[in-house]
């Protein structure tokens, strides 16, 4: 996504409540602010809710690639560029001192 979307507090709270499941009083009573209509969302709650809403938009977008599309592109990439390399092994093989400094 090119820009960060802005959501209202109500949208964010609804997104969080969509994660609560069928028996929220049993499973969510320990959550910060649960059941308090005046609760101001924490930054972590805002981030979580934003990801939920972003994901819902992404899934609804018909141009979003499917998992099989991504797997096919991965195979194409590996065919062109070779397998994934272990970064630690590459650094250690090229310069053991650099591997130690990197840790």
Protein backbone atom coordinates (compact mmCIF):
# COMPACT_ATOMS: atom_id res chain seq x y z
CA UNK A 1 0.00 0.00 0.00
CA UNK A 2 1.37 3.36 -0.95
CA UNK A 3 0.10 5.42 1.98
CA UNK A 4 -0.84 4.67 5.54
CA UNK A 5 -4.63 4.52 5.85
CA UNK A 6 -6.37 6.42 8.61
CA UNK A 7 -9.11 4.70 10.56
CA UNK A 8 -11.51 6.10 13.11
CA UNK A 9 -11.43 4.93 16.72
CA UNK A 10 -14.75 3.16 16.15
CA UNK A 11 -13.34 1.28 13.14
CA UNK A 12 -10.29 0.26 15.18
CA UNK A 13 -12.40 -0.91 18.12
CA UNK A 14 -14.69 -2.88 15.79
CA UNK A 15 -11.65 -4.50 14.20
CA UNK A 16 -10.36 -5.59 17.60
CA UNK A 17 -13.75 -6.91 18.63
CA UNK A 18 -13.83 -9.01 15.45
CA UNK A 19 -10.98 -11.03 16.99
CA UNK A 20 -12.82 -11.79 20.23
CA UNK A 21 -14.62 -14.95 19.11
CA UNK A 22 -18.02 -16.34 20.09
CA UNK A 23 -17.68 -15.96 23.90
CA UNK A 24 -15.78 -12.72 24.46
CA UNK A 25 -16.64 -12.40 28.16
CA UNK A 26 -14.92 -15.72 28.79
CA UNK A 27 -11.92 -15.20 26.53
CA UNK A 28 -11.27 -11.45 26.62
CA UNK A 29 -12.07 -10.17 30.10
CA UNK A 30 -8.32 -10.00 30.85
CA UNK A 31 -7.61 -7.70 27.88
CA UNK A 32 -6.68 -4.10 28.61
CA UNK A 33 -9.80 -1.95 28.30
CA UNK A 34 -12.17 -4.81 27.51
CA UNK A 35 -15.76 -3.87 28.36
CA UNK A 36 -14.91 -0.20 28.98
CA UNK A 37 -16.69 1.91 26.34
CA UNK A 38 -14.52 4.91 27.31
CA UNK A 39 -11.26 2.98 26.90
CA UNK A 40 -8.60 4.77 24.86
CA UNK A 41 -6.78 2.23 22.69
CA UNK A 42 -3.12 1.60 23.45
CA UNK A 43 -0.60 1.90 20.63
CA UNK A 44 -0.34 -1.89 20.41
CA UNK A 45 -4.12 -2.18 20.11
CA UNK A 46 -4.10 0.49 17.37
CA UNK A 47 -1.38 -1.34 15.46
CA UNK A 48 -3.20 -4.68 15.75
CA UNK A 49 -6.53 -3.20 14.67
CA UNK A 50 -4.89 -1.39 11.76
CA UNK A 51 -3.36 -4.65 10.53
CA UNK A 52 -6.78 -6.34 10.75
CA UNK A 53 -8.38 -3.59 8.67
CA UNK A 54 -5.49 -3.48 6.19
CA UNK A 55 -5.73 -7.25 5.73
CA UNK A 56 -9.49 -7.07 5.15
CA UNK A 57 -8.91 -4.47 2.42
CA UNK A 58 -6.17 -6.58 0.85
CA UNK A 59 -8.30 -9.72 0.78
CA UNK A 60 -11.19 -7.79 -0.80
CA UNK A 61 -8.95 -6.39 -3.56
CA UNK A 62 -9.25 -8.58 -6.69
CA UNK A 63 -5.72 -7.61 -7.78
CA UNK A 64 -4.17 -9.14 -4.65
CA UNK A 65 -2.11 -12.18 -5.65
CA UNK A 66 -3.22 -15.57 -4.35
CA UNK A 67 -0.98 -17.87 -2.37
CA UNK A 68 -0.48 -20.05 -5.45
CA UNK A 69 0.53 -16.95 -7.48
CA UNK A 70 3.15 -16.11 -4.86
CA UNK A 71 4.43 -19.69 -4.75
CA UNK A 72 4.78 -19.68 -8.55
CA UNK A 73 6.74 -16.41 -8.43
CA UNK A 74 8.96 -17.88 -5.72
CA UNK A 75 9.76 -20.87 -7.94
CA UNK A 76 10.54 -18.53 -10.84
CA UNK A 77 12.83 -16.47 -8.62
CA UNK A 78 14.69 -19.54 -7.36
CA UNK A 79 15.05 -20.84 -10.93
CA UNK A 80 16.60 -17.53 -12.00
CA UNK A 81 18.66 -16.68 -8.91
CA UNK A 82 19.27 -19.97 -7.13
CA UNK A 83 18.19 -21.14 -3.69
CA UNK A 84 17.97 -19.00 -0.56
CA UNK A 85 21.37 -18.54 1.02
CA UNK A 86 22.13 -18.79 4.71
CA UNK A 87 23.47 -15.31 5.49
CA UNK A 88 25.53 -16.50 8.44
CA UNK A 89 27.27 -19.16 6.30
CA UNK A 90 27.98 -16.69 3.50
CA UNK A 91 29.52 -14.14 5.86
CA UNK A 92 31.55 -16.77 7.69
CA UNK A 93 32.88 -18.23 4.46
CA UNK A 94 33.90 -14.83 3.11
CA UNK A 95 35.38 -13.33 6.22
CA UNK A 96 35.30 -15.07 9.62
CA UNK A 97 36.29 -11.83 11.36
CA UNK A 98 33.33 -10.03 9.80
CA UNK A 99 30.97 -12.71 11.11
CA UNK A 100 32.26 -12.15 14.63
CA UNK A 101 31.88 -8.38 14.30
CA UNK A 102 28.34 -8.81 12.99
CA UNK A 103 27.28 -10.71 16.10
